[in-house]
Amino acid sequence: MKKNKYQAQSEQRFGGPMVVVGENENLESAIRRFKKVVNEEGIIKTYREKQYFMKPSMKRRLKEKEARRKEKQRQAITEKKLNYASNVK
């Protein structure tokens, strides 16, 4: 049966993540797959972000802080690799 564009939009808008459980599939594995789908779609992340209002300036500060932390980690890893390479010789 062919769906018209309104049916497709309503399914897309209201349809959540879905996992089809196989006939001989374990329930735990189906739950694990469902959690993976929810995580990939970012549903929990967006829910937590929208639980409370955050000013745009605060979002920007947190983003900058996270970028500095990641850069510091990258530098530490690079230094560790360089030290290892210099000690191997």
PDB file of N, CA and C in Angstrom:
ATOM      1  N   MET A   1       0.836  -1.180   0.000  1.00  0.00           N
ATOM      2  CA  MET A   1       0.000   0.000   0.000  1.00  0.00           C
ATOM      3  C   MET A   1       0.878   1.239   0.000  1.00  0.00           C
ATOM      4  N   LYS A   2       0.613   2.127  -0.910  1.00  0.00           N
ATOM      5  CA  LYS A   2       1.409   3.341  -1.017  1.00  0.00           C
ATOM      6  C   LYS A   2       0.881   4.390  -0.041  1.00  0.00           C
ATOM      7  N   LYS A   3       1.805   5.071   0.648  1.00  0.00           N
ATOM      8  CA  LYS A   3       1.425   6.082   1.630  1.00  0.00           C
ATOM      9  C   LYS A   3       1.483   7.460   0.983  1.00  0.00           C
ATOM     10  N   ASN A   4       0.523   8.291   1.340  1.00  0.00           N
ATOM     11  CA  ASN A   4       0.618   9.655   0.837  1.00  0.00           C
ATOM     12  C   ASN A   4       1.586  10.442   1.714  1.00  0.00           C
ATOM     13  N   LYS A   5       1.896  11.656   1.309  1.00  0.00           N
ATOM     14  CA  LYS A   5       2.944  12.412   1.999  1.00  0.00           C
ATOM     15  C   LYS A   5       2.543  12.770   3.424  1.00  0.00           C
ATOM     16  N   TYR A   6       1.245  12.919   3.697  1.00  0.00           N
ATOM     17  CA  TYR A   6       0.825  13.278   5.053  1.00  0.00           C
ATOM     18  C   TYR A   6       0.984  12.109   6.007  1.00  0.00           C
ATOM     19  N   GLN A   7       0.713  10.913   5.556  1.00  0.00           N
ATOM     20  CA  GLN A   7       0.913   9.738   6.391  1.00  0.00           C
ATOM     21  C   GLN A   7       2.390   9.552   6.700  1.00  0.00           C
ATOM     22  N   ALA A   8       3.231   9.751   5.702  1.00  0.00           N
ATOM     23  CA  ALA A   8       4.670   9.595   5.913  1.00  0.00           C
ATOM     24  C   ALA A   8       5.173  10.624   6.903  1.00  0.00           C
ATOM     25  N   GLN A   9       4.693  11.881   6.805  1.00  0.00           N
ATOM     26  CA  GLN A   9       5.123  12.913   7.730  1.00  0.00           C
ATOM     27  C   GLN A   9       4.652  12.609   9.143  1.00  0.00           C
ATOM     28  N   SER A  10       3.408  12.145   9.302  1.00  0.00           N
ATOM     29  CA  SER A  10       2.900  11.869  10.640  1.00  0.00           C
ATOM     30  C   SER A  10       3.664  10.716  11.276  1.00  0.00           C
ATOM     31  N   GLU A  11       4.006   9.709  10.479  1.00  0.00           N
ATOM     32  CA  GLU A  11       4.797   8.612  11.020  1.00  0.00           C
ATOM     33  C   GLU A  11       6.181   9.087  11.411  1.00  0.00           C
ATOM     34  N   GLN A  12       6.735   9.957  10.597  1.00  0.00           N
ATOM     35  CA  GLN A  12       8.068  10.451  10.875  1.00  0.00           C
ATOM     36  C   GLN A  12       8.060  11.333  12.119  1.00  0.00           C
ATOM     37  N   ARG A  13       7.028  12.132  12.269  1.00  0.00           N
ATOM     38  CA  ARG A  13       6.970  13.061  13.374  1.00  0.00           C
ATOM     39  C   ARG A  13       6.674  12.343  14.689  1.00  0.00           C
ATOM     40  N   PHE A  14       5.710  11.428  14.673  1.00  0.00           N
ATOM     41  CA  PHE A  14       5.276  10.794  15.898  1.00  0.00           C
ATOM     42  C   PHE A  14       5.863   9.405  16.107  1.00  0.00           C
ATOM     43  N   GLY A  15       6.396   8.827  15.071  1.00  0.00           N
ATOM     44  CA  GLY A  15       6.955   7.497  15.195  1.00  0.00           C
ATOM     45  C   GLY A  15       8.300   7.553  15.898  1.00  0.00           C
ATOM     46  N   GLY A  16       8.438   6.818  16.963  1.00  0.00           N
ATOM     47  CA  GLY A  16       9.693   6.790  17.692  1.00  0.00           C
ATOM     48  C   GLY A  16      10.576   5.674  17.183  1.00  0.00           C
ATOM     49  N   PRO A  17      11.661   5.448  17.862  1.00  0.00           N
ATOM     50  CA  PRO A  17      12.543   4.352  17.457  1.00  0.00           C
ATOM     51  C   PRO A  17      11.829   3.013  17.621  1.00  0.00           C
ATOM     52  N   MET A  18      12.100   2.129  16.685  1.00  0.00           N
ATOM     53  CA  MET A  18      11.404   0.860  16.687  1.00  0.00           C
ATOM     54  C   MET A  18      12.384  -0.269  16.405  1.00  0.00           C
ATOM     55  N   VAL A  19      12.199  -1.382  17.096  1.00  0.00           N
ATOM     56  CA  VAL A  19      13.027  -2.567  16.892  1.00  0.00           C
ATOM     57  C   VAL A  19      12.086  -3.745  16.715  1.00  0.00           C
ATOM     58  N   VAL A  20      12.286  -4.503  15.664  1.00  0.00           N
ATOM     59  CA  VAL A  20      11.476  -5.693  15.421  1.00  0.00           C
ATOM     60  C   VAL A  20      12.178  -6.876  16.067  1.00  0.00           C
ATOM     61  N   VAL A  21      11.448  -7.557  16.940  1.00  0.00           N
ATOM     62  CA  VAL A  21      12.012  -8.704  17.659  1.00  0.00           C
ATOM     63  C   VAL A  21      11.795  -9.955  16.836  1.00  0.00           C
ATOM     64  N   GLY A  22      12.894 -10.680  16.624  1.00  0.00           N
ATOM     65  CA  GLY A  22      12.812 -11.910  15.851  1.00  0.00           C
ATOM     66  C   GLY A  22      12.106 -13.013  16.616  1.00  0.00           C
ATOM     67  N   GLU A  23      11.745 -14.065  15.898  1.00  0.00           N
ATOM     68  CA  GLU A  23      10.987 -15.151  16.511  1.00  0.00           C
ATOM     69  C   GLU A  23      11.775 -15.857  17.615  1.00  0.00           C
ATOM     70  N   ASN A  24      13.040 -16.154  17.361  1.00  0.00           N
ATOM     71  CA  ASN A  24      13.863 -16.851  18.347  1.00  0.00           C
ATOM     72  C   ASN A  24      14.829 -15.912  19.065  1.00  0.00           C
ATOM     73  N   GLU A  25      14.569 -14.608  18.983  1.00  0.00           N
ATOM     74  CA  GLU A  25      15.498 -13.637  19.568  1.00  0.00           C
ATOM     75  C   GLU A  25      15.237 -13.470  21.060  1.00  0.00           C
ATOM     76  N   ASN A  26      16.312 -13.312  21.782  1.00  0.00           N
ATOM     77  CA  ASN A  26      16.259 -13.091  23.216  1.00  0.00           C
ATOM     78  C   ASN A  26      15.755 -11.674  23.494  1.00  0.00           C
ATOM     79  N   LEU A  27      14.965 -11.493  24.524  1.00  0.00           N
ATOM     80  CA  LEU A  27      14.421 -10.179  24.860  1.00  0.00           C
ATOM     81  C   LEU A  27      15.532  -9.193  25.244  1.00  0.00           C
ATOM     82  N   GLU A  28      16.545  -9.674  25.953  1.00  0.00           N
ATOM     83  CA  GLU A  28      17.653  -8.808  26.363  1.00  0.00           C
ATOM     84  C   GLU A  28      18.399  -8.239  25.157  1.00  0.00           C
ATOM     85  N   SER A  29      18.581  -9.047  24.128  1.00  0.00           N
ATOM     86  CA  SER A  29      19.278  -8.556  22.940  1.00  0.00           C
ATOM     87  C   SER A  29      18.428  -7.521  22.199  1.00  0.00           C
ATOM     88  N   ALA A  30      17.106  -7.712  22.214  1.00  0.00           N
ATOM     89  CA  ALA A  30      16.219  -6.729  21.585  1.00  0.00           C
ATOM     90  C   ALA A  30      16.264  -5.408  22.344  1.00  0.00           C
ATOM     91  N   ILE A  31      16.295  -5.479  23.657  1.00  0.00           N
ATOM     92  CA  ILE A  31      16.396  -4.263  24.476  1.00  0.00           C
ATOM     93  C   ILE A  31      17.720  -3.572  24.215  1.00  0.00           C
ATOM     94  N   ARG A  32      18.790  -4.351  24.100  1.00  0.00           N
ATOM     95  CA  ARG A  32      20.112  -3.782  23.811  1.00  0.00           C
ATOM     96  C   ARG A  32      20.111  -3.063  22.469  1.00  0.00           C
ATOM     97  N   ARG A  33      19.491  -3.678  21.457  1.00  0.00           N
ATOM     98  CA  ARG A  33      19.404  -3.039  20.144  1.00  0.00           C
ATOM     99  C   ARG A  33      18.564  -1.767  20.199  1.00  0.00           C
ATOM    100  N   PHE A  34      17.466  -1.804  20.982  1.00  0.00           N
ATOM    101  CA  PHE A  34      16.628  -0.621  21.133  1.00  0.00           C
ATOM    102  C   PHE A  34      17.406   0.521  21.786  1.00  0.00           C
ATOM    103  N   LYS A  35      18.151   0.217  22.833  1.00  0.00           N
ATOM    104  CA  LYS A  35      18.966   1.239  23.494  1.00  0.00           C
ATOM    105  C   LYS A  35      19.984   1.835  22.528  1.00  0.00           C
ATOM    106  N   LYS A  36      20.549   0.993  21.673  1.00  0.00           N
ATOM    107  CA  LYS A  36      21.524   1.468  20.695  1.00  0.00           C
ATOM    108  C   LYS A  36      20.866   2.427  19.705  1.00  0.00           C
ATOM    109  N   VAL A  37      19.661   2.089  19.236  1.00  0.00           N
ATOM    110  CA  VAL A  37      18.942   2.947  18.302  1.00  0.00           C
ATOM    111  C   VAL A  37      18.616   4.283  18.953  1.00  0.00           C
ATOM    112  N   VAL A  38      18.144   4.252  20.193  1.00  0.00           N
ATOM    113  CA  VAL A  38      17.807   5.482  20.921  1.00  0.00           C
ATOM    114  C   VAL A  38      19.051   6.338  21.098  1.00  0.00           C
ATOM    115  N   ASN A  39      20.154   5.707  21.420  1.00  0.00           N
ATOM    116  CA  ASN A  39      21.414   6.440  21.618  1.00  0.00           C
ATOM    117  C   ASN A  39      21.899   7.068  20.313  1.00  0.00           C
ATOM    118  N   GLU A  40      21.808   6.335  19.209  1.00  0.00           N
ATOM    119  CA  GLU A  40      22.250   6.856  17.913  1.00  0.00           C
ATOM    120  C   GLU A  40      21.398   8.032  17.455  1.00  0.00           C
ATOM    121  N   GLU A  41      20.108   8.010  17.768  1.00  0.00           N
ATOM    122  CA  GLU A  41      19.226   9.106  17.370  1.00  0.00           C
ATOM    123  C   GLU A  41      19.377  10.313  18.286  1.00  0.00           C
ATOM    124  N   GLY A  42      20.024  10.151  19.429  1.00  0.00           N
ATOM    125  CA  GLY A  42      20.276  11.262  20.338  1.00  0.00           C
ATOM    126  C   GLY A  42      19.054  11.703  21.121  1.00  0.00           C
ATOM    127  N   ILE A  43      18.117  10.811  21.341  1.00  0.00           N
ATOM    128  CA  ILE A  43      16.875  11.156  22.025  1.00  0.00           C
ATOM    129  C   ILE A  43      17.139  11.533  23.479  1.00  0.00           C
ATOM    130  N   ILE A  44      17.917  10.744  24.179  1.00  0.00           N
ATOM    131  CA  ILE A  44      18.194  11.005  25.604  1.00  0.00           C
ATOM    132  C   ILE A  44      18.993  12.292  25.749  1.00  0.00           C
ATOM    133  N   LYS A  45      19.953  12.504  24.853  1.00  0.00           N
ATOM    134  CA  LYS A  45      20.778  13.706  24.928  1.00  0.00           C
ATOM    135  C   LYS A  45      19.932  14.962  24.769  1.00  0.00           C
ATOM    136  N   THR A  46      19.049  14.966  23.768  1.00  0.00           N
ATOM    137  CA  THR A  46      18.207  16.146  23.564  1.00  0.00           C
ATOM    138  C   THR A  46      17.233  16.334  24.719  1.00  0.00           C
ATOM    139  N   TYR A  47      16.746  15.240  25.292  1.00  0.00           N
ATOM    140  CA  TYR A  47      15.848  15.340  26.444  1.00  0.00           C
ATOM    141  C   TYR A  47      16.565  16.009  27.610  1.00  0.00           C
ATOM    142  N   ARG A  48      17.776  15.585  27.882  1.00  0.00           N
ATOM    143  CA  ARG A  48      18.525  16.168  28.996  1.00  0.00           C
ATOM    144  C   ARG A  48      18.877  17.627  28.742  1.00  0.00           C
ATOM    145  N   GLU A  49      19.167  17.965  27.483  1.00  0.00           N
ATOM    146  CA  GLU A  49      19.475  19.354  27.151  1.00  0.00           C
ATOM    147  C   GLU A  49      18.257  20.246  27.324  1.00  0.00           C
ATOM    148  N   LYS A  50      17.074  19.722  27.054  1.00  0.00           N
ATOM    149  CA  LYS A  50      15.862  20.537  27.104  1.00  0.00           C
ATOM    150  C   LYS A  50      15.160  20.484  28.454  1.00  0.00           C
ATOM    151  N   GLN A  51      15.734  19.808  29.435  1.00  0.00           N
ATOM    152  CA  GLN A  51      15.127  19.751  30.758  1.00  0.00           C
ATOM    153  C   GLN A  51      15.098  21.127  31.410  1.00  0.00           C
ATOM    154  N   TYR A  52      16.086  21.927  31.155  1.00  0.00           N
ATOM    155  CA  TYR A  52      16.149  23.265  31.735  1.00  0.00           C
ATOM    156  C   TYR A  52      16.718  24.226  30.702  1.00  0.00           C
ATOM    157  N   PHE A  53      16.414  25.491  30.900  1.00  0.00           N
ATOM    158  CA  PHE A  53      16.872  26.507  29.962  1.00  0.00           C
ATOM    159  C   PHE A  53      18.316  26.887  30.261  1.00  0.00           C
ATOM    160  N   MET A  54      19.107  27.015  29.221  1.00  0.00           N
ATOM    161  CA  MET A  54      20.484  27.464  29.372  1.00  0.00           C
ATOM    162  C   MET A  54      20.697  28.648  28.441  1.00  0.00           C
ATOM    163  N   LYS A  55      21.216  29.716  29.014  1.00  0.00           N
ATOM    164  CA  LYS A  55      21.456  30.906  28.216  1.00  0.00           C
ATOM    165  C   LYS A  55      22.467  30.587  27.118  1.00  0.00           C
ATOM    166  N   PRO A  56      22.333  31.244  25.959  1.00  0.00           N
ATOM    167  CA  PRO A  56      23.273  31.006  24.862  1.00  0.00           C
ATOM    168  C   PRO A  56      24.720  31.284  25.248  1.00  0.00           C
ATOM    169  N   SER A  57      24.942  32.291  26.107  1.00  0.00           N
ATOM    170  CA  SER A  57      26.318  32.590  26.524  1.00  0.00           C
ATOM    171  C   SER A  57      26.891  31.437  27.350  1.00  0.00           C
ATOM    172  N   MET A  58      26.054  30.806  28.166  1.00  0.00           N
ATOM    173  CA  MET A  58      26.510  29.669  28.977  1.00  0.00           C
ATOM    174  C   MET A  58      26.801  28.470  28.082  1.00  0.00           C
ATOM    175  N   LYS A  59      25.971  28.252  27.056  1.00  0.00           N
ATOM    176  CA  LYS A  59      26.230  27.162  26.120  1.00  0.00           C
ATOM    177  C   LYS A  59      27.579  27.363  25.431  1.00  0.00           C
ATOM    178  N   ARG A  60      27.828  28.620  25.018  1.00  0.00           N
ATOM    179  CA  ARG A  60      29.078  28.935  24.337  1.00  0.00           C
ATOM    180  C   ARG A  60      30.272  28.690  25.262  1.00  0.00           C
ATOM    181  N   ARG A  61      30.157  29.110  26.521  1.00  0.00           N
ATOM    182  CA  ARG A  61      31.251  28.897  27.480  1.00  0.00           C
ATOM    183  C   ARG A  61      31.540  27.419  27.682  1.00  0.00           C
ATOM    184  N   LEU A  62      30.473  26.632  27.835  1.00  0.00           N
ATOM    185  CA  LEU A  62      30.659  25.192  28.026  1.00  0.00           C
ATOM    186  C   LEU A  62      31.302  24.550  26.803  1.00  0.00           C
ATOM    187  N   LYS A  63      30.894  25.002  25.617  1.00  0.00           N
ATOM    188  CA  LYS A  63      31.463  24.464  24.382  1.00  0.00           C
ATOM    189  C   LYS A  63      32.952  24.789  24.293  1.00  0.00           C
ATOM    190  N   GLU A  64      33.320  26.030  24.640  1.00  0.00           N
ATOM    191  CA  GLU A  64      34.725  26.433  24.620  1.00  0.00           C
ATOM    192  C   GLU A  64      35.529  25.656  25.655  1.00  0.00           C
ATOM    193  N   LYS A  65      34.942  25.463  26.828  1.00  0.00           N
ATOM    194  CA  LYS A  65      35.619  24.716  27.890  1.00  0.00           C
ATOM    195  C   LYS A  65      35.879  23.269  27.454  1.00  0.00           C
ATOM    196  N   GLU A  66      34.891  22.666  26.816  1.00  0.00           N
ATOM    197  CA  GLU A  66      35.039  21.295  26.319  1.00  0.00           C
ATOM    198  C   GLU A  66      36.111  21.224  25.238  1.00  0.00           C
ATOM    199  N   ALA A  67      36.167  22.228  24.368  1.00  0.00           N
ATOM    200  CA  ALA A  67      37.178  22.263  23.302  1.00  0.00           C
ATOM    201  C   ALA A  67      38.577  22.372  23.909  1.00  0.00           C
ATOM    202  N   ARG A  68      38.728  23.203  24.938  1.00  0.00           N
ATOM    203  CA  ARG A  68      40.040  23.319  25.598  1.00  0.00           C
ATOM    204  C   ARG A  68      40.454  22.006  26.244  1.00  0.00           C
ATOM    205  N   ARG A  69      39.484  21.323  26.880  1.00  0.00           N
ATOM    206  CA  ARG A  69      39.778  20.045  27.527  1.00  0.00           C
ATOM    207  C   ARG A  69      40.220  19.004  26.501  1.00  0.00           C
ATOM    208  N   LYS A  70      39.514  18.938  25.366  1.00  0.00           N
ATOM    209  CA  LYS A  70      39.876  17.971  24.325  1.00  0.00           C
ATOM    210  C   LYS A  70      41.240  18.274  23.723  1.00  0.00           C
ATOM    211  N   GLU A  71      41.527  19.556  23.521  1.00  0.00           N
ATOM    212  CA  GLU A  71      42.828  19.942  22.973  1.00  0.00           C
ATOM    213  C   GLU A  71      43.951  19.561  23.935  1.00  0.00           C
ATOM    214  N   LYS A  72      43.709  19.757  25.223  1.00  0.00           N
ATOM    215  CA  LYS A  72      44.702  19.392  26.235  1.00  0.00           C
ATOM    216  C   LYS A  72      44.960  17.873  26.216  1.00  0.00           C
ATOM    217  N   GLN A  73      43.891  17.091  26.057  1.00  0.00           N
ATOM    218  CA  GLN A  73      44.034  15.634  25.963  1.00  0.00           C
ATOM    219  C   GLN A  73      44.842  15.247  24.723  1.00  0.00           C
ATOM    220  N   ARG A  74      44.541  15.887  23.592  1.00  0.00           N
ATOM    221  CA  ARG A  74      45.282  15.578  22.351  1.00  0.00           C
ATOM    222  C   ARG A  74      46.758  15.881  22.514  1.00  0.00           C
ATOM    223  N   GLN A  75      47.068  17.012  23.140  1.00  0.00           N
ATOM    224  CA  GLN A  75      48.469  17.384  23.349  1.00  0.00           C
ATOM    225  C   GLN A  75      49.167  16.378  24.256  1.00  0.00           C
ATOM    226  N   ALA A  76      48.490  15.935  25.303  1.00  0.00           N
ATOM    227  CA  ALA A  76      49.081  14.959  26.219  1.00  0.00           C
ATOM    228  C   ALA A  76      49.383  13.652  25.494  1.00  0.00           C
ATOM    229  N   ILE A  77      48.474  13.219  24.643  1.00  0.00           N
ATOM    230  CA  ILE A  77      48.682  11.979  23.892  1.00  0.00           C
ATOM    231  C   ILE A  77      49.848  12.137  22.924  1.00  0.00           C
ATOM    232  N   THR A  78      49.911  13.283  22.251  1.00  0.00           N
ATOM    233  CA  THR A  78      51.004  13.539  21.312  1.00  0.00           C
ATOM    234  C   THR A  78      52.345  13.545  22.031  1.00  0.00           C
ATOM    235  N   GLU A  79      52.405  14.209  23.195  1.00  0.00           N
ATOM    236  CA  GLU A  79      53.647  14.233  23.970  1.00  0.00           C
ATOM    237  C   GLU A  79      54.043  12.833  24.411  1.00  0.00           C
ATOM    238  N   LYS A  80      53.066  12.038  24.812  1.00  0.00           N
ATOM    239  CA  LYS A  80      53.350  10.672  25.258  1.00  0.00           C
ATOM    240  C   LYS A  80      53.933   9.854  24.104  1.00  0.00           C
ATOM    241  N   LYS A  81      53.371  10.029  22.897  1.00  0.00           N
ATOM    242  CA  LYS A  81      53.880   9.306  21.729  1.00  0.00           C
ATOM    243  C   LYS A  81      55.298   9.756  21.385  1.00  0.00           C
ATOM    244  N   LEU A  82      55.539  11.067  21.453  1.00  0.00           N
ATOM    245  CA  LEU A  82      56.879  11.572  21.156  1.00  0.00           C
ATOM    246  C   LEU A  82      57.901  11.066  22.163  1.00  0.00           C
ATOM    247  N   ASN A  83      57.549  11.068  23.428  1.00  0.00           N
ATOM    248  CA  ASN A  83      58.455  10.556  24.456  1.00  0.00           C
ATOM    249  C   ASN A  83      58.747   9.080  24.247  1.00  0.00           C
ATOM    250  N   TYR A  84      57.722   8.313  23.893  1.00  0.00           N
ATOM    251  CA  TYR A  84      57.913   6.888  23.646  1.00  0.00           C
ATOM    252  C   TYR A  84      58.831   6.675  22.437  1.00  0.00           C
ATOM    253  N   ALA A  85      58.611   7.456  21.378  1.00  0.00           N
ATOM    254  CA  ALA A  85      59.426   7.308  20.168  1.00  0.00           C
ATOM    255  C   ALA A  85      60.886   7.684  20.433  1.00  0.00           C
ATOM    256  N   SER A  86      61.110   8.676  21.270  1.00  0.00           N
ATOM    257  CA  SER A  86      62.486   9.087  21.553  1.00  0.00           C
ATOM    258  C   SER A  86      63.180   8.073  22.473  1.00  0.00           C
ATOM    259  N   ASN A  87      62.439   7.353  23.311  1.00  0.00           N
ATOM    260  CA  ASN A  87      63.036   6.380  24.215  1.00  0.00           C
ATOM    261  C   ASN A  87      63.263   5.029  23.542  1.00  0.00           C
ATOM    262  N   VAL A  88      62.609   4.761  22.448  1.00  0.00           N
ATOM    263  CA  VAL A  88      62.731   3.476  21.772  1.00  0.00           C
ATOM    264  C   VAL A  88      64.094   3.344  21.109  1.00  0.00           C
ATOM    265  N   LYS A  89      64.628   4.412  20.588  1.00  0.00           N
ATOM    266  CA  LYS A  89      65.900   4.356  19.857  1.00  0.00           C
ATOM    267  C   LYS A  89      67.016   3.917  20.684  1.00  0.00           C
TER     268      LYS A  89
END
